[in-house]
Amino acid sequence: MASSQSTTAGTTRGQHELLIIGGGVAGLTAATFTARAGIETMVINDGETVLRRNAHLENIPGFPAGVNPRRFADMLRAQATRNGAEYQTGTVTELTGDIDDGFTATITGGQASDDTERAAGDGKDAEPTRELTADRVLAASFPDADFLEGFDIETRTADSKQYAEAGELGRTGVEGLYVAGRLAERYHQAVIAAGDGAEAAITLIHDSDIPFYNDWVAPEGYWTDRGREVPPGCEEIDPTEQRARQEAAMAAMQEYFAAPHDQQQRTFPSLVDDERNRLDWER
């Protein structure tokens, strides 16, 4: 399904196959998997993820000496974008609909894309509003779950944080609506959020109409030399393509780590004496 957008009376409407609410570790990991599988994916993120407030990540597989959290977050978003995911900012204040007629998210603030200005509000001081519709929704927006109130999904509040009940493999009791990451009350670790986002995404892919076996890239002949077809979602690549991808991966990593990240971590919002939650170096 191709996406489309229009603007009338200050409200932007767009149609997508999948809306992911939350652009943290779980949401962006899920977006990488769904976009690679060919599902037209839109990520909506409100503000800054908790990940960026960390000083250093020490327990991420593949980074023996750890990694800068803001660098890691940048890489997550770049990976999702590279695979075809789109990205907007704003707060989802309401979610309605079902799998049959599609879901509609009401969004305030933010931007419809990196290249467009905010949609105009109805009044001078009105908060910009837009709507996005999608066939399926994956929620990974910890600690906010208010937009799930209209659905038969159990939520609970603990220490001002909201959690939503997630069933098997990220499914909820509402067909077409999934929950992942910290919002699903998983352990508060980046690698666990990534794994849970990936699991929910693969579940969603299996629930869709897209043929899918696994997200594997195998050497040439892995299946075909045994007289088997390459399974859906997989591919075989020859030595030349293997070398090209390896060199591209090395170049990308060298670029990412050529210099220290130029953004400082943000402290907890309540500790910042600025109404826009800016640090001194941002003002």
Protein backbone atom coordinates (compact mmCIF):
# COMPACT_ATOMS: atom_id res chain seq x y z
CA MET A 1 0.00 0.00 0.00
CA ALA A 2 1.46 3.32 -0.98
CA SER A 3 1.39 6.14 1.52
CA SER A 4 -0.35 9.40 0.78
CA GLN A 5 -0.77 12.68 2.60
CA SER A 6 -3.01 15.70 2.29
CA THR A 7 -3.56 18.80 4.37
CA THR A 8 -6.95 20.42 4.99
CA ALA A 9 -7.96 22.93 7.66
CA GLY A 10 -4.67 22.48 9.49
CA THR A 11 -4.93 18.69 9.70
CA THR A 12 -2.55 16.38 7.85
CA ARG A 13 -3.77 12.88 7.01
CA GLY A 14 -1.64 10.00 5.75
CA GLN A 15 -2.24 6.32 5.10
CA HIS A 16 0.37 3.74 6.01
CA GLU A 17 0.62 -0.01 6.32
CA LEU A 18 2.23 0.22 9.75
CA LEU A 19 2.46 2.96 12.34
CA ILE A 20 5.08 2.51 15.05
CA ILE A 21 4.48 4.78 18.03
CA GLY A 22 7.80 5.39 19.74
CA GLY A 23 11.24 5.94 18.23
CA GLY A 24 13.40 4.41 20.93
CA VAL A 25 15.38 1.18 20.77
CA ALA A 26 12.33 -1.12 20.51
CA GLY A 27 10.48 1.03 17.99
CA LEU A 28 13.44 1.61 15.65
CA THR A 29 14.51 -2.03 15.80
CA ALA A 30 10.98 -3.09 14.92
CA ALA A 31 10.96 -0.56 12.07
CA THR A 32 14.17 -2.03 10.65
CA PHE A 33 12.61 -5.49 10.45
CA THR A 34 9.21 -4.45 9.11
CA ALA A 35 10.66 -2.09 6.51
CA ARG A 36 13.11 -4.74 5.31
CA ALA A 37 10.19 -7.13 4.92
CA GLY A 38 8.47 -4.65 2.60
CA ILE A 39 5.89 -3.25 5.02
CA GLU A 40 5.49 0.51 4.50
CA THR A 41 6.49 1.74 7.97
CA MET A 42 6.03 5.13 9.64
CA VAL A 43 7.64 5.85 13.02
CA ILE A 44 6.21 8.59 15.27
CA ASN A 45 8.44 9.77 18.09
CA ASP A 46 7.73 12.25 20.87
CA GLY A 47 10.80 13.99 22.22
CA GLU A 48 14.03 12.36 23.30
CA THR A 49 14.44 8.69 24.18
CA VAL A 50 15.81 7.69 27.57
CA LEU A 51 18.72 6.07 25.75
CA ARG A 52 20.20 9.47 24.90
CA ARG A 53 20.35 10.47 28.58
CA ASN A 54 22.88 7.74 29.36
CA ALA A 55 26.56 8.59 29.67
CA HIS A 56 27.85 5.36 28.10
CA LEU A 57 26.40 1.97 27.13
CA GLU A 58 28.48 -0.90 28.49
CA ASN A 59 26.39 -3.99 27.76
CA ILE A 60 25.57 -3.91 24.03
CA PRO A 61 26.65 -7.04 22.11
CA GLY A 62 29.27 -6.29 19.47
CA PHE A 63 30.76 -3.30 21.30
CA PRO A 64 33.44 -4.77 23.62
CA ALA A 65 34.33 -1.37 25.12
CA GLY A 66 30.78 -0.04 25.04
CA VAL A 67 29.36 2.67 22.80
CA ASN A 68 28.19 6.26 23.09
CA PRO A 69 24.38 6.14 23.59
CA ARG A 70 23.69 9.05 21.27
CA ARG A 71 25.86 7.47 18.58
CA PHE A 72 24.02 4.19 19.06
CA ALA A 73 20.65 5.96 18.80
CA ASP A 74 21.75 7.75 15.62
CA MET A 75 22.82 4.44 14.12
CA LEU A 76 19.51 2.77 15.00
CA ARG A 77 17.56 5.48 13.22
CA ALA A 78 19.91 5.47 10.21
CA GLN A 79 19.52 1.71 9.90
CA ALA A 80 15.73 1.89 9.99
CA THR A 81 15.76 4.72 7.45
CA ARG A 82 18.18 2.87 5.17
CA ASN A 83 15.76 -0.04 5.05
CA GLY A 84 12.84 2.20 4.09
CA ALA A 85 11.21 3.36 7.33
CA GLU A 86 9.90 6.93 7.47
CA TYR A 87 10.02 9.16 10.53
CA GLN A 88 7.89 11.91 12.03
CA THR A 89 7.79 13.69 15.37
CA GLY A 90 4.78 14.46 17.53
CA THR A 91 2.65 13.13 20.37
CA VAL A 92 -0.03 10.52 19.72
CA THR A 93 -2.94 11.71 21.87
CA GLU A 94 -5.60 9.31 20.62
CA LEU A 95 -5.78 6.02 18.75
CA THR A 96 -8.99 4.52 17.37
CA GLY A 97 -10.04 1.86 14.89
CA ASP A 98 -9.52 -1.84 14.25
CA ILE A 99 -7.93 -4.32 11.86
CA ASP A 100 -10.92 -4.25 9.50
CA ASP A 101 -11.25 -0.50 8.98
CA GLY A 102 -7.73 0.54 9.91
CA PHE A 103 -6.41 2.53 12.85
CA THR A 104 -6.37 6.32 13.14
CA ALA A 105 -3.83 8.15 15.29
CA THR A 106 -4.36 11.77 16.30
CA ILE A 107 -1.02 13.54 16.63
CA THR A 108 -0.23 16.94 18.13
CA GLY A 109 2.93 18.97 17.68
CA GLY A 110 6.08 17.85 15.98
CA GLN A 111 6.72 17.69 12.27
CA ALA A 112 5.14 15.62 9.51
CA SER A 113 8.64 14.96 8.13
CA ASP A 114 12.19 16.18 8.47
CA ASP A 115 11.63 18.55 5.54
CA THR A 116 8.22 20.06 6.33
CA GLU A 117 6.99 22.61 8.82
CA ARG A 118 4.34 21.84 11.39
CA ALA A 119 0.75 21.78 10.21
CA ALA A 120 -1.11 24.93 11.20
CA GLY A 121 -3.50 24.82 14.11
CA ASP A 122 -7.08 26.07 14.00
CA GLY A 123 -6.23 29.09 16.16
CA LYS A 124 -3.28 31.26 16.97
CA ASP A 125 -2.36 29.30 20.07
CA ALA A 126 -3.76 25.94 19.00
CA GLU A 127 -1.49 22.93 19.05
CA PRO A 128 -0.78 21.65 15.52
CA THR A 129 -2.81 18.51 14.83
CA ARG A 130 -2.72 15.82 12.19
CA GLU A 131 -4.06 12.32 11.69
CA LEU A 132 -2.34 9.23 10.37
CA THR A 133 -4.17 6.05 9.46
CA ALA A 134 -2.55 2.64 9.31
CA ASP A 135 -3.47 -0.99 8.78
CA ARG A 136 -1.55 -2.04 11.90
CA VAL A 137 0.01 -0.31 14.91
CA LEU A 138 2.97 -1.23 17.08
CA ALA A 139 3.20 0.75 20.33
CA ALA A 140 6.63 1.21 21.91
CA SER A 141 6.16 4.62 23.48
CA PHE A 142 7.17 4.18 27.14
CA PRO A 143 6.13 5.70 29.49
CA ASP A 144 2.97 6.92 27.71
CA ALA A 145 0.03 4.59 27.11
CA ASP A 146 -2.90 7.03 27.36
CA PHE A 147 -3.74 6.57 23.67
CA LEU A 148 -4.57 2.90 24.35
CA GLU A 149 -7.48 3.76 26.66
CA GLY A 150 -10.12 3.08 24.02
CA PHE A 151 -9.00 -0.52 23.53
CA ASP A 152 -9.52 -3.68 25.53
CA ILE A 153 -5.91 -3.69 26.69
CA GLU A 154 -5.03 -3.76 30.35
CA THR A 155 -2.67 -0.99 31.43
CA ARG A 156 -1.19 -0.14 34.79
CA THR A 157 0.64 2.80 36.31
CA ALA A 158 3.61 2.42 38.63
CA ASP A 159 5.80 5.28 39.84
CA SER A 160 4.22 7.60 37.22
CA LYS A 161 5.14 5.16 34.43
CA GLN A 162 2.52 3.41 32.29
CA TYR A 163 2.70 -0.17 31.10
CA ALA A 164 0.51 -2.08 28.66
CA GLU A 165 -0.22 -5.79 28.78
CA ALA A 166 1.39 -7.69 25.93
CA GLY A 167 0.49 -11.26 25.13
CA GLU A 168 2.42 -13.82 23.17
CA LEU A 169 5.24 -12.41 21.00
CA GLY A 170 4.06 -8.80 21.27
CA ARG A 171 0.43 -9.38 20.34
CA THR A 172 -2.35 -7.77 22.37
CA GLY A 173 -5.99 -8.75 22.67
CA VAL A 174 -6.71 -6.36 19.79
CA GLU A 175 -5.93 -7.81 16.37
CA GLY A 176 -3.49 -5.62 14.47
CA LEU A 177 -2.24 -3.82 17.60
CA TYR A 178 1.12 -4.81 19.10
CA VAL A 179 3.18 -3.67 22.09
CA ALA A 180 6.95 -3.87 22.54
CA GLY A 181 9.85 -2.78 24.72
CA ARG A 182 9.63 -1.04 28.07
CA LEU A 183 5.97 -0.18 27.42
CA ALA A 184 5.32 -3.94 27.56
CA GLU A 185 7.12 -3.96 30.95
CA ARG A 186 10.25 -5.65 29.67
CA TYR A 187 13.50 -5.17 31.57
CA HIS A 188 14.96 -1.67 31.24
CA GLN A 189 17.96 -2.63 29.10
CA ALA A 190 18.66 -1.50 25.53
CA VAL A 191 19.51 -4.95 24.24
CA ILE A 192 16.29 -6.40 25.68
CA ALA A 193 14.26 -3.58 24.15
CA ALA A 194 15.90 -4.28 20.79
CA GLY A 195 15.14 -7.99 21.00
CA ASP A 196 11.56 -7.39 22.06
CA GLY A 197 11.05 -4.91 19.23
CA ALA A 198 12.44 -7.41 16.74
CA GLU A 199 10.23 -10.19 18.12
CA ALA A 200 7.08 -8.08 17.91
CA ALA A 201 8.03 -7.00 14.38
CA ILE A 202 8.53 -10.56 13.15
CA THR A 203 5.23 -11.54 14.76
CA LEU A 204 3.54 -8.67 12.92
CA ILE A 205 5.15 -9.74 9.64
CA HIS A 206 3.92 -13.30 10.10
CA ASP A 207 0.43 -11.96 10.84
CA SER A 208 0.45 -9.91 7.63
CA ASP A 209 0.01 -11.14 4.07
CA ILE A 210 3.74 -10.99 3.35
CA PRO A 211 5.42 -14.38 2.79
CA PHE A 212 8.26 -14.55 5.32
CA TYR A 213 10.61 -17.24 6.58
CA ASN A 214 13.50 -15.38 8.17
CA ASP A 215 15.61 -12.27 7.71
CA TRP A 216 18.77 -14.07 6.57
CA VAL A 217 21.49 -13.23 4.04
CA ALA A 218 23.23 -16.47 3.08
CA PRO A 219 26.19 -17.25 0.80
CA GLU A 220 25.46 -18.20 -2.80
CA GLY A 221 24.22 -21.78 -3.07
CA TYR A 222 23.18 -22.15 0.57
CA TRP A 223 19.72 -23.27 -0.52
CA THR A 224 19.88 -23.50 -4.29
CA ASP A 225 22.81 -25.96 -4.33
CA ARG A 226 20.54 -28.35 -2.43
CA GLY A 227 17.75 -27.91 -4.94
CA ARG A 228 15.73 -25.66 -2.65
CA GLU A 229 14.19 -22.29 -3.37
CA VAL A 230 15.41 -19.29 -1.41
CA PRO A 231 12.83 -18.83 1.39
CA PRO A 232 10.78 -15.61 1.58
CA GLY A 233 12.64 -12.85 3.37
CA CYS A 234 16.03 -14.43 2.69
CA GLU A 235 18.59 -13.96 -0.04
CA GLU A 236 21.76 -15.57 -1.37
CA ILE A 237 24.69 -13.38 -2.39
CA ASP A 238 27.83 -14.26 -4.35
CA PRO A 239 31.41 -13.56 -3.14
CA THR A 240 31.59 -10.26 -5.05
CA GLU A 241 28.44 -8.98 -3.36
CA GLN A 242 29.65 -10.27 0.01
CA ARG A 243 32.85 -8.26 -0.41
CA ALA A 244 30.95 -5.15 -1.49
CA ARG A 245 28.65 -5.30 1.53
CA GLN A 246 31.54 -5.89 3.90
CA GLU A 247 33.41 -2.89 2.54
CA ALA A 248 30.29 -0.72 2.74
CA ALA A 249 29.74 -1.81 6.34
CA MET A 250 33.35 -1.05 7.26
CA ALA A 251 33.18 2.38 5.65
CA ALA A 252 29.96 3.21 7.48
CA MET A 253 31.39 2.19 10.85
CA GLN A 254 34.59 4.15 10.24
CA GLU A 255 32.51 7.23 9.47
CA TYR A 256 30.37 6.83 12.58
CA PHE A 257 33.37 6.44 14.87
CA ALA A 258 35.80 8.85 13.21
CA ALA A 259 35.29 11.37 16.03
CA PRO A 260 33.53 11.57 19.41
CA HIS A 261 29.82 12.33 19.30
CA ASP A 262 29.27 16.08 19.47
CA GLN A 263 26.11 16.01 21.62
CA GLN A 264 26.20 15.87 25.39
CA GLN A 265 23.79 13.68 27.30
CA ARG A 266 20.71 15.40 28.67
CA THR A 267 19.99 15.14 32.36
CA PHE A 268 16.60 14.12 33.72
CA PRO A 269 14.00 16.68 32.51
CA SER A 270 12.91 17.69 36.00
CA LEU A 271 16.49 18.75 36.78
CA VAL A 272 16.71 21.21 33.87
CA ASP A 273 15.80 24.81 34.73
CA ASP A 274 14.35 25.59 31.31
CA GLU A 275 10.75 25.29 30.14
CA ARG A 276 11.86 23.65 26.88
CA ASN A 277 14.15 21.18 28.68
CA ARG A 278 17.25 22.63 27.02
CA LEU A 279 20.72 22.44 28.46
CA ASP A 280 22.97 25.50 28.66
CA TRP A 281 24.87 24.55 25.51
CA GLU A 282 21.61 24.35 23.53
CA ARG A 283 20.32 27.83 24.39
